[in-house]
Protein backbone atom coordinates (compact mmCIF):
# COMPACT_ATOMS: atom_id res chain seq x y z
CA MET A 1 24.03 52.05 68.06
CA ASN A 2 22.28 50.21 70.84
CA PRO A 3 19.16 48.39 69.54
CA GLN A 4 17.42 48.70 72.90
CA LEU A 5 17.84 52.48 72.78
CA ILE A 6 16.34 52.61 69.28
CA PHE A 7 13.47 50.39 70.40
CA GLY A 8 12.88 52.62 73.44
CA VAL A 9 12.85 55.75 71.28
CA LEU A 10 10.34 54.15 68.90
CA ILE A 11 8.12 53.13 71.83
CA VAL A 12 8.20 56.68 73.24
CA LEU A 13 7.41 58.16 69.81
CA GLY A 14 4.54 55.70 69.41
CA LEU A 15 3.14 56.64 72.81
CA ILE A 16 3.40 60.35 71.98
CA TRP A 17 1.68 59.75 68.61
CA THR A 18 -1.12 57.80 70.30
CA GLY A 19 -1.48 60.43 73.01
CA VAL A 20 -1.73 63.27 70.50
CA TRP A 21 -4.44 61.45 68.55
CA GLY A 22 -6.30 60.66 71.76
CA TRP A 23 -6.13 64.32 72.75
CA ILE A 24 -7.40 65.37 69.31
CA LEU A 25 -10.30 62.90 69.41
CA THR A 26 -11.37 63.74 72.95
CA GLY A 27 -11.01 67.48 72.34
CA SER A 28 -13.43 67.51 69.42
CA ARG A 29 -16.47 69.47 70.52
CA GLN A 30 -18.75 69.30 67.53
CA THR A 31 -19.22 67.15 64.50
CA VAL A 32 -19.29 68.70 61.06
CA PRO A 33 -21.30 67.14 58.21
CA TYR A 34 -19.25 65.61 55.44
CA THR A 35 -20.87 67.85 52.83
CA GLU A 36 -19.29 70.88 54.52
CA VAL A 37 -15.86 69.29 54.83
CA ALA A 38 -15.62 67.60 51.41
CA PRO A 39 -14.94 70.70 49.26
CA ARG A 40 -12.15 71.92 51.56
CA VAL A 41 -10.62 68.45 51.74
CA THR A 42 -10.66 68.19 47.96
CA VAL A 43 -8.81 71.48 47.60
CA LEU A 44 -6.31 70.43 50.28
CA ARG A 45 -5.71 67.07 48.58
CA ARG A 46 -5.12 68.73 45.22
CA ARG A 47 -2.65 71.23 46.70
CA LEU A 48 -0.80 68.55 48.63
CA PHE A 49 -0.63 66.34 45.55
CA TYR A 50 0.98 69.11 43.49
CA LEU A 51 3.33 69.95 46.35
CA ILE A 52 4.44 66.33 46.75
CA LEU A 53 4.78 65.97 42.97
CA ALA A 54 6.99 69.08 42.81
CA VAL A 55 9.15 67.83 45.69
CA MET A 56 9.54 64.42 44.02
CA ILE A 57 10.59 66.00 40.72
CA VAL A 58 13.14 68.22 42.48
CA VAL A 59 14.53 65.28 44.46
CA PHE A 60 14.77 63.20 41.28
CA LEU A 61 16.57 65.93 39.36
CA VAL A 62 18.97 66.61 42.23
CA SER A 63 19.66 62.89 42.65
CA MET A 64 20.71 62.61 39.00
CA ARG A 65 24.02 64.20 39.99
CA TRP A 66 24.92 61.53 42.54
CA LEU A 67 23.30 58.36 41.29
CA PRO A 68 25.41 56.13 39.04
CA TYR A 69 23.72 56.76 35.72
CA ARG A 70 26.10 56.20 32.82
CA PRO A 71 26.11 59.75 31.33
CA VAL A 72 26.52 61.35 34.76
CA ARG A 73 29.23 58.89 35.73
CA ALA A 74 31.08 59.48 32.44
CA THR A 75 31.04 63.26 32.84
CA THR A 76 32.00 63.07 36.51
CA LEU A 77 34.63 60.34 36.49
CA GLY A 78 35.68 60.17 32.86
CA PRO A 79 36.04 56.98 30.86
CA PRO A 80 36.69 53.74 32.77
CA GLN A 81 40.34 53.02 33.51
CA VAL A 82 40.01 49.23 33.49
CA THR A 83 37.50 47.06 31.69
CA ALA A 84 36.88 43.45 32.55
CA ALA A 85 35.31 40.78 30.38
CA ALA A 86 32.40 39.16 32.17
CA TRP A 87 30.07 36.40 31.17
CA TRP A 88 26.50 35.97 32.20
CA ARG A 89 24.28 32.95 32.12
CA PRO A 90 20.54 33.46 32.36
CA THR A 91 19.09 31.94 35.48
CA CYS A 92 15.61 30.87 36.28
CA TRP A 93 13.71 29.13 38.99
CA ARG A 94 11.55 26.13 38.38
CA PRO A 95 10.21 23.65 40.93
CA TRP A 96 11.63 20.81 38.85
CA ALA A 97 15.05 22.47 38.34
CA ALA A 98 16.69 19.71 40.38
CA LEU A 99 15.63 17.26 37.68
CA ARG A 100 16.61 19.42 34.71
CA PRO A 101 18.55 22.69 35.11
CA CYS A 102 17.50 25.81 33.23
């Protein structure tokens, strides 16, 4: 995909976002004291938190089917056909590693 097209789309979306917020801020007629808004905002935050939590749990449980977790992979694909012996050497980073390797 053309990077200039993507950049142009993002610029247009940013301008629309800024315009909508400008329209909202200039269209506000009256100010409401925080003490009147706080209880409703608290209820809204709590509801949104539980909604987002439920969505995250559902997404996690649904993703268990496709992500490469060992039990899911074993039930989906069966046992591995080929196994390969591999060795691993712990690595580390030290500023003086050029003088003495890990």
